[in-house]
Amino acid sequence: MSIKTLVLAAAAATVTASAAAAETYFEVGPNLEAGDILELGLITAEGNGVVEIYDYRTGTQGALLGTKTLNAGANPNVRVKTGLPATSNVLAVVKVDGQEAAKKSFYIY
């Protein structure tokens, strides 16, 4: 294998790894336990950002209930304090650089 082939293969692997890492998503399922602290588990963010929790009782984004800062990459055991017990559906929105990167609705049980 030539040096040029090795360099091209290494560059392709780096681009592929970067593309795979540049995703923002929630690992937790669609249900969360009721309480004034919501445990969202692992959130992976493509950059530094924030997760915002909104009231979602009516199926539309309502009042902001709480926020938590996120770092780029894996953020394990993300917990968001809402200040009052969340007892119905909520919407979690991850923003990176001020832009919405992911969102997910959760049923509170």
Protein backbone atom coordinates (compact mmCIF):
# COMPACT_ATOMS: atom_id res chain seq x y z
CA MET A 1 0.00 0.00 0.00
CA SER A 2 1.40 3.39 -0.92
CA ILE A 3 1.77 6.33 1.44
CA LYS A 4 -0.83 8.23 -0.61
CA THR A 5 -3.36 5.41 -0.15
CA LEU A 6 -2.72 5.30 3.61
CA VAL A 7 -3.13 9.08 3.93
CA LEU A 8 -6.39 9.02 1.93
CA ALA A 9 -7.73 6.12 4.02
CA ALA A 10 -6.85 7.91 7.26
CA ALA A 11 -8.51 11.11 6.04
CA ALA A 12 -11.66 9.22 5.04
CA ALA A 13 -11.82 7.52 8.45
CA THR A 14 -11.46 10.88 10.19
CA VAL A 15 -14.25 12.44 8.13
CA THR A 16 -16.51 9.45 8.78
CA ALA A 17 -15.82 9.55 12.53
CA SER A 18 -16.47 13.29 12.65
CA ALA A 19 -19.74 12.91 10.75
CA ALA A 20 -20.88 10.16 13.11
CA ALA A 21 -19.97 12.23 16.17
CA ALA A 22 -21.74 15.31 14.82
CA GLU A 23 -25.20 14.16 15.88
CA THR A 24 -27.44 15.33 18.68
CA TYR A 25 -29.85 12.85 20.24
CA PHE A 26 -31.54 11.51 23.36
CA GLU A 27 -30.87 7.92 24.50
CA VAL A 28 -33.80 7.68 26.95
CA GLY A 29 -37.14 6.20 25.92
CA PRO A 30 -40.45 8.07 25.61
CA ASN A 31 -41.44 7.90 29.30
CA LEU A 32 -40.14 9.86 32.29
CA GLU A 33 -40.99 9.52 35.97
CA ALA A 34 -42.98 12.44 37.43
CA GLY A 35 -41.13 14.82 39.73
CA ASP A 36 -39.56 18.25 39.99
CA ILE A 37 -36.29 16.83 38.61
CA LEU A 38 -36.58 15.05 35.27
CA GLU A 39 -33.93 12.42 34.55
CA LEU A 40 -33.18 12.48 30.82
CA GLY A 41 -30.26 10.04 30.93
CA LEU A 42 -27.64 10.35 28.20
CA ILE A 43 -27.85 13.23 25.73
CA THR A 44 -25.24 13.45 23.00
CA ALA A 45 -24.70 16.95 21.59
CA GLU A 46 -22.74 17.94 18.50
CA GLY A 47 -21.49 21.06 20.31
CA ASN A 48 -21.84 23.01 23.55
CA GLY A 49 -25.46 23.89 24.18
CA VAL A 50 -28.47 23.56 26.40
CA VAL A 51 -31.49 21.30 26.86
CA GLU A 52 -34.73 23.13 27.55
CA ILE A 53 -37.85 21.48 29.02
CA TYR A 54 -41.25 22.85 28.01
CA ASP A 55 -44.82 22.09 29.05
CA TYR A 56 -46.36 19.91 26.31
CA ARG A 57 -49.80 19.08 27.78
CA THR A 58 -51.69 20.39 24.75
CA GLY A 59 -49.35 18.87 22.16
CA THR A 60 -47.76 22.26 21.49
CA GLN A 61 -44.70 23.86 23.05
CA GLY A 62 -45.82 25.72 26.16
CA ALA A 63 -44.09 27.41 29.10
CA LEU A 64 -40.38 26.85 29.74
CA LEU A 65 -40.04 24.66 32.84
CA GLY A 66 -36.26 24.26 33.16
CA THR A 67 -32.88 24.20 31.43
CA LYS A 68 -29.54 22.41 31.73
CA THR A 69 -26.21 23.23 30.08
CA LEU A 70 -24.70 20.54 27.84
CA ASN A 71 -21.13 19.99 26.71
CA ALA A 72 -20.14 18.81 23.24
CA GLY A 73 -20.23 15.01 23.10
CA ALA A 74 -21.81 12.63 25.59
CA ASN A 75 -23.62 14.10 28.61
CA PRO A 76 -24.51 11.21 30.94
CA ASN A 77 -27.18 11.37 33.65
CA VAL A 78 -28.71 14.68 32.53
CA ARG A 79 -31.14 15.93 35.17
CA VAL A 80 -33.25 19.05 34.74
CA LYS A 81 -34.87 20.77 37.71
CA THR A 82 -38.30 22.09 36.74
CA GLY A 83 -39.12 23.85 40.02
CA LEU A 84 -42.49 22.12 40.24
CA PRO A 85 -43.53 18.52 39.75
CA ALA A 86 -43.99 17.74 36.07
CA THR A 87 -47.15 15.64 35.91
CA SER A 88 -47.97 15.63 32.20
CA ASN A 89 -46.22 15.55 28.85
CA VAL A 90 -43.10 17.65 28.34
CA LEU A 91 -41.01 18.58 25.32
CA ALA A 92 -37.21 18.53 25.54
CA VAL A 93 -35.35 20.72 23.06
CA VAL A 94 -31.57 20.64 22.61
CA LYS A 95 -30.07 23.84 21.23
CA VAL A 96 -26.49 24.04 19.98
CA ASP A 97 -25.13 27.48 19.08
CA GLY A 98 -28.64 28.86 19.58
CA GLN A 99 -30.11 26.54 16.93
CA GLU A 100 -32.49 23.65 17.58
CA ALA A 101 -30.49 20.44 17.12
CA ALA A 102 -32.93 17.83 18.50
CA LYS A 103 -36.26 17.59 20.26
CA LYS A 104 -38.31 14.85 21.82
CA SER A 105 -41.64 14.69 23.61
CA PHE A 106 -41.95 12.63 26.77
CA TYR A 107 -44.93 11.14 28.56
CA ILE A 108 -44.74 11.70 32.33
CA TYR A 109 -45.98 8.83 34.48
